[in-house]
Amino acid sequence: MNLEPLEAHDKILRTYTEPEVTSLLRELHERGRPFGIQWGSAAVNGSTIDGRLLVDFGDTSVATLLNLLTLLRETGRPA
């Protein structure tokens, strides 16, 4: 699968809710563990930029979280 990365300004990102992003962070923790990718302190920080939630591991956008999850999902390793 060859997906283009999401851009931080993609309009679809405005539709993600805090519970959805929290669930994605849980998946990141599970899928990232075998690779040593762990952000135990990562959480939705409640801040937004232009209607987009920020994730608190360097105040990154949800696009970064989704792009990282896509890479981990493409490895074929189970969560």
C-alpha atoms as a PDB file:
ATOM      1  CA  MET A   1       0.000   0.000   0.000  1.00  0.00           C
ATOM      2  CA  ASN A   2       1.450   3.359  -0.973  1.00  0.00           C
ATOM      3  CA  LEU A   3      -0.509   6.112   0.747  1.00  0.00           C
ATOM      4  CA  GLU A   4       0.438   9.750   0.583  1.00  0.00           C
ATOM      5  CA  PRO A   5       1.101  11.270   4.016  1.00  0.00           C
ATOM      6  CA  LEU A   6      -1.554  13.521   5.452  1.00  0.00           C
ATOM      7  CA  GLU A   7      -0.650  17.171   5.555  1.00  0.00           C
ATOM      8  CA  ALA A   8      -1.099  19.036   8.859  1.00  0.00           C
ATOM      9  CA  HIS A   9      -3.680  21.331   7.219  1.00  0.00           C
ATOM     10  CA  ASP A  10      -5.861  18.519   5.761  1.00  0.00           C
ATOM     11  CA  LYS A  11      -9.526  19.341   6.433  1.00  0.00           C
ATOM     12  CA  ILE A  12     -10.350  15.771   7.528  1.00  0.00           C
ATOM     13  CA  LEU A  13      -8.263  16.355  10.657  1.00  0.00           C
ATOM     14  CA  ARG A  14     -10.859  18.787  11.988  1.00  0.00           C
ATOM     15  CA  THR A  15     -13.323  15.910  12.339  1.00  0.00           C
ATOM     16  CA  TYR A  16     -11.302  13.949  14.900  1.00  0.00           C
ATOM     17  CA  THR A  17     -12.602  14.148  18.459  1.00  0.00           C
ATOM     18  CA  GLU A  18     -10.568  13.906  21.638  1.00  0.00           C
ATOM     19  CA  PRO A  19     -11.808  10.338  22.376  1.00  0.00           C
ATOM     20  CA  GLU A  20     -10.880   9.251  18.830  1.00  0.00           C
ATOM     21  CA  VAL A  21      -7.390  10.691  19.111  1.00  0.00           C
ATOM     22  CA  THR A  22      -6.964   9.098  22.538  1.00  0.00           C
ATOM     23  CA  SER A  23      -7.856   5.752  20.972  1.00  0.00           C
ATOM     24  CA  LEU A  24      -5.309   6.339  18.188  1.00  0.00           C
ATOM     25  CA  LEU A  25      -2.659   7.077  20.813  1.00  0.00           C
ATOM     26  CA  ARG A  26      -3.456   3.761  22.507  1.00  0.00           C
ATOM     27  CA  GLU A  27      -2.971   2.019  19.163  1.00  0.00           C
ATOM     28  CA  LEU A  28       0.332   3.854  18.684  1.00  0.00           C
ATOM     29  CA  HIS A  29       1.538   2.585  22.053  1.00  0.00           C
ATOM     30  CA  GLU A  30       0.566  -1.006  21.174  1.00  0.00           C
ATOM     31  CA  ARG A  31       1.929  -1.027  17.619  1.00  0.00           C
ATOM     32  CA  GLY A  32       5.037   0.970  18.485  1.00  0.00           C
ATOM     33  CA  ARG A  33       6.118  -1.153  21.450  1.00  0.00           C
ATOM     34  CA  PRO A  34       7.903  -3.837  19.333  1.00  0.00           C
ATOM     35  CA  PHE A  35       9.891  -1.060  17.632  1.00  0.00           C
ATOM     36  CA  GLY A  36      10.778   0.775  20.818  1.00  0.00           C
ATOM     37  CA  ILE A  37       8.415   3.617  19.901  1.00  0.00           C
ATOM     38  CA  GLN A  38       6.906   4.638  23.194  1.00  0.00           C
ATOM     39  CA  TRP A  39       5.440   7.940  24.263  1.00  0.00           C
ATOM     40  CA  GLY A  40       3.964   7.158  27.636  1.00  0.00           C
ATOM     41  CA  SER A  41       3.200  10.806  28.200  1.00  0.00           C
ATOM     42  CA  ALA A  42       1.555  11.371  24.795  1.00  0.00           C
ATOM     43  CA  ALA A  43      -1.994  12.636  25.164  1.00  0.00           C
ATOM     44  CA  VAL A  44      -4.468  14.978  23.591  1.00  0.00           C
ATOM     45  CA  ASN A  45      -3.534  18.303  25.105  1.00  0.00           C
ATOM     46  CA  GLY A  46      -6.842  20.072  24.488  1.00  0.00           C
ATOM     47  CA  SER A  47      -5.241  22.757  22.334  1.00  0.00           C
ATOM     48  CA  THR A  48      -6.298  23.362  18.777  1.00  0.00           C
ATOM     49  CA  ILE A  49      -4.932  25.166  15.757  1.00  0.00           C
ATOM     50  CA  ASP A  50      -7.596  26.216  13.296  1.00  0.00           C
ATOM     51  CA  GLY A  51      -9.971  23.564  14.659  1.00  0.00           C
ATOM     52  CA  ARG A  52      -7.398  20.742  14.666  1.00  0.00           C
ATOM     53  CA  LEU A  53      -6.501  18.985  17.912  1.00  0.00           C
ATOM     54  CA  LEU A  54      -2.874  18.842  18.986  1.00  0.00           C
ATOM     55  CA  VAL A  55      -1.233  15.790  20.497  1.00  0.00           C
ATOM     56  CA  ASP A  56       1.114  16.438  23.381  1.00  0.00           C
ATOM     57  CA  PHE A  57       4.422  14.932  22.323  1.00  0.00           C
ATOM     58  CA  GLY A  58       5.973  18.096  21.096  1.00  0.00           C
ATOM     59  CA  ASP A  59       2.547  19.637  20.307  1.00  0.00           C
ATOM     60  CA  THR A  60       2.362  17.767  17.038  1.00  0.00           C
ATOM     61  CA  SER A  61      -0.706  17.572  14.861  1.00  0.00           C
ATOM     62  CA  VAL A  62      -2.998  14.587  14.534  1.00  0.00           C
ATOM     63  CA  ALA A  63      -1.609  14.244  10.986  1.00  0.00           C
ATOM     64  CA  THR A  64       1.760  13.234  12.440  1.00  0.00           C
ATOM     65  CA  LEU A  65       0.089  10.655  14.664  1.00  0.00           C
ATOM     66  CA  LEU A  66      -1.910   9.228  11.746  1.00  0.00           C
ATOM     67  CA  ASN A  67       1.124   9.140   9.442  1.00  0.00           C
ATOM     68  CA  LEU A  68       3.181   7.299  12.062  1.00  0.00           C
ATOM     69  CA  LEU A  69       0.358   4.812  12.634  1.00  0.00           C
ATOM     70  CA  THR A  70       0.120   4.211   8.884  1.00  0.00           C
ATOM     71  CA  LEU A  71       3.814   3.326   8.776  1.00  0.00           C
ATOM     72  CA  LEU A  72       3.444   0.974  11.723  1.00  0.00           C
ATOM     73  CA  ARG A  73       0.341  -0.663  10.230  1.00  0.00           C
ATOM     74  CA  GLU A  74       2.181  -1.248   6.946  1.00  0.00           C
ATOM     75  CA  THR A  75       4.907  -3.240   8.687  1.00  0.00           C
ATOM     76  CA  GLY A  76       2.486  -6.146   8.867  1.00  0.00           C
ATOM     77  CA  ARG A  77       3.195  -6.842  12.496  1.00  0.00           C
ATOM     78  CA  PRO A  78       0.132  -7.410  14.661  1.00  0.00           C
ATOM     79  CA  ALA A  79      -0.630  -4.954  17.419  1.00  0.00           C
END
